[in-house]
Amino acid sequence: MKSLKKQRRIQVIVAAAVALILATGLIGYGFRDGINLYRAPTQVFEEPPTAGEVFRLGGLVEEGSVTRGQGEMISFNVTDGAYIIPVQFTGVLPDLFEEGQGMIGTGRMEGDVFVASEILAKHDENYTPREVIDSLKETGVYEDPNS
C-alpha cells in the first residue's frame, strides 16, 4: 500500500512539473514579439540593434527638425543631448507631439534611420516619460521644469 501512495505522489509531482514547464514555455512564446526594450540615442550608437530588431527609441524632438512629406509621412530628429537619430513615421502624430518635447517611438532601424510604427508623446505640459528623463540626466541635458 505504501508504495502505491509513494508512486501517486511522484506522478503528481511529475505532472505538476510538466504543467509548470509547459506554462512557462507558452508565456515565453506569447511574449516573443511583445517585449520592446527602450533605448536612448546614445545607447543606439554605442550598441547598435540587430537587423530587424523592434525596440523603443526615446528622447527629445530636436527643434526645427520636423518636416512633413507627402501624405502622412513625417520626418524628425530625436536627441538625448549627445547623439541625434533621424526618425521617419507614416501616420497621424499625437496631438501633443511638438518640437523640444519628449517622445517615445516603437519601430526598427533601417540603415541610419529609425522607422517608427508608433509614436507616443507626453500627455501634459509637465510630463516626460521616465526613460527619457533618465537618459537625458545621463547626458547632462535634463532640466527639471519644477525648479
Protein backbone atom coordinates (compact mmCIF):
# COMPACT_ATOMS: atom_id res chain seq x y z
CA MET A 1 0.00 0.00 0.00
CA LYS A 2 2.81 2.45 0.88
CA SER A 3 4.48 2.06 -2.49
CA LEU A 4 1.18 2.90 -4.26
CA LYS A 5 0.88 6.18 -2.30
CA LYS A 6 4.51 6.97 -2.98
CA GLN A 7 4.03 6.24 -6.68
CA ARG A 8 0.95 8.56 -6.82
CA ARG A 9 2.89 11.37 -5.13
CA ILE A 10 5.68 11.03 -7.65
CA GLN A 11 3.16 11.06 -10.53
CA VAL A 12 1.50 14.21 -9.16
CA ILE A 13 4.88 15.94 -8.74
CA VAL A 14 5.97 14.99 -12.27
CA ALA A 15 2.62 16.14 -13.72
CA ALA A 16 2.89 19.47 -11.85
CA ALA A 17 6.47 19.96 -13.10
CA VAL A 18 5.44 19.24 -16.71
CA ALA A 19 2.48 21.66 -16.39
CA LEU A 20 4.78 24.37 -14.98
CA ILE A 21 7.32 23.90 -17.79
CA LEU A 22 4.56 23.97 -20.40
CA ALA A 23 3.02 27.14 -18.89
CA THR A 24 6.41 28.87 -18.81
CA GLY A 25 7.04 27.92 -22.44
CA LEU A 26 3.64 29.23 -23.54
CA ILE A 27 4.15 32.53 -21.69
CA GLY A 28 7.57 32.96 -23.30
CA TYR A 29 6.14 32.17 -26.72
CA GLY A 30 3.36 34.71 -26.21
CA PHE A 31 5.81 37.46 -25.26
CA ARG A 32 8.32 36.82 -28.06
CA ASP A 33 7.13 39.81 -30.12
CA GLY A 34 5.60 41.84 -27.31
CA ILE A 35 8.73 42.86 -25.42
CA ASN A 36 10.28 46.04 -26.80
CA LEU A 37 13.34 47.32 -24.98
CA TYR A 38 13.80 51.08 -24.51
CA ARG A 39 16.93 52.73 -25.89
CA ALA A 40 18.16 56.30 -25.90
CA PRO A 41 20.05 57.64 -28.96
CA THR A 42 23.36 57.21 -27.08
CA GLN A 43 22.59 53.53 -26.47
CA VAL A 44 21.69 53.04 -30.16
CA PHE A 45 25.07 54.44 -31.21
CA GLU A 46 27.08 52.58 -28.56
CA GLU A 47 25.32 49.22 -29.05
CA PRO A 48 23.57 49.14 -32.45
CA PRO A 49 20.44 46.99 -32.59
CA THR A 50 20.44 43.79 -34.60
CA ALA A 51 18.88 43.83 -38.07
CA GLY A 52 15.11 43.86 -37.84
CA GLU A 53 15.05 44.25 -34.03
CA VAL A 54 11.98 46.13 -32.82
CA PHE A 55 12.68 48.47 -29.90
CA ARG A 56 11.51 51.73 -28.34
CA LEU A 57 13.51 54.90 -29.00
CA GLY A 58 13.02 57.89 -26.75
CA GLY A 59 14.36 61.38 -26.34
CA LEU A 60 13.54 64.96 -27.17
CA VAL A 61 12.29 66.02 -30.58
CA GLU A 62 15.02 68.29 -31.93
CA GLU A 63 13.96 71.90 -32.50
CA GLY A 64 13.46 72.74 -36.18
CA SER A 65 13.76 69.13 -37.35
CA VAL A 66 10.11 68.23 -38.05
CA THR A 67 9.38 68.03 -41.79
CA ARG A 68 6.20 66.76 -43.35
CA GLY A 69 6.44 64.75 -46.55
CA GLN A 70 3.76 63.61 -48.92
CA GLY A 71 0.62 62.22 -47.31
CA GLU A 72 1.12 61.25 -43.70
CA MET A 73 4.93 60.92 -43.89
CA ILE A 74 6.76 62.86 -41.16
CA SER A 75 10.50 63.07 -40.51
CA PHE A 76 12.18 64.49 -37.43
CA ASN A 77 15.24 64.01 -35.24
CA VAL A 78 15.33 62.62 -31.71
CA THR A 79 18.17 63.56 -29.37
CA ASP A 80 19.32 62.87 -25.86
CA GLY A 81 21.80 65.74 -25.96
CA ALA A 82 24.73 63.59 -27.02
CA TYR A 83 23.52 61.90 -30.22
CA ILE A 84 20.82 62.53 -32.81
CA ILE A 85 18.78 59.83 -34.55
CA PRO A 86 16.67 60.66 -37.63
CA VAL A 87 13.14 59.24 -37.41
CA GLN A 88 10.56 58.57 -40.12
CA PHE A 89 6.92 57.97 -39.28
CA THR A 90 3.92 57.42 -41.51
CA GLY A 91 0.64 58.07 -39.78
CA VAL A 92 -1.08 60.60 -37.59
CA LEU A 93 1.03 62.07 -34.82
CA PRO A 94 -0.44 62.50 -31.33
CA ASP A 95 -1.99 65.92 -30.73
CA LEU A 96 0.58 66.77 -28.06
CA PHE A 97 3.61 65.95 -30.26
CA GLU A 98 5.83 69.00 -30.74
CA GLU A 99 9.44 70.07 -31.07
CA GLY A 100 11.51 70.25 -27.91
CA GLN A 101 9.24 67.78 -26.09
CA GLY A 102 9.75 64.18 -25.02
CA MET A 103 8.57 61.28 -27.14
CA ILE A 104 8.91 57.52 -27.37
CA GLY A 105 8.58 55.66 -30.67
CA THR A 106 8.34 51.95 -31.38
CA GLY A 107 10.00 50.69 -34.55
CA ARG A 108 13.25 49.44 -36.07
CA MET A 109 16.42 50.82 -37.60
CA GLU A 110 16.67 50.83 -41.38
CA GLY A 111 20.18 51.94 -42.13
CA ASP A 112 20.81 55.06 -40.04
CA VAL A 113 17.10 55.96 -39.81
CA PHE A 114 14.66 54.80 -37.15
CA VAL A 115 11.39 53.87 -38.88
CA ALA A 116 8.64 54.20 -36.30
CA SER A 117 5.38 52.27 -36.38
CA GLU A 118 4.01 54.07 -33.31
CA ILE A 119 4.73 57.43 -31.67
CA LEU A 120 3.82 58.34 -28.11
CA ALA A 121 4.06 61.90 -26.81
CA LYS A 122 3.82 63.49 -23.41
CA HIS A 123 0.31 63.82 -22.04
CA ASP A 124 0.55 67.23 -20.36
CA GLU A 125 2.96 70.12 -20.10
CA ASN A 126 4.82 68.64 -17.10
CA TYR A 127 5.15 65.01 -18.16
CA THR A 128 8.13 63.41 -19.83
CA PRO A 129 8.48 59.61 -19.89
CA ARG A 130 10.71 58.30 -17.07
CA GLU A 131 13.04 56.52 -19.51
CA VAL A 132 13.59 59.76 -21.44
CA ILE A 133 14.34 61.70 -18.23
CA ASP A 134 16.85 59.04 -17.15
CA SER A 135 18.68 59.11 -20.50
CA LEU A 136 18.70 62.93 -20.54
CA LYS A 137 20.10 63.02 -16.99
CA GLU A 138 22.92 60.66 -18.06
CA THR A 139 23.97 63.08 -20.81
CA GLY A 140 23.52 66.16 -18.59
CA VAL A 141 20.79 67.74 -20.72
CA TYR A 142 17.77 67.32 -18.43
CA GLU A 143 16.40 70.41 -16.71
CA ASP A 144 13.73 69.91 -14.03
CA PRO A 145 10.69 72.02 -15.03
CA ASN A 146 9.68 72.34 -11.35
CA SER A 147 12.83 74.16 -10.31
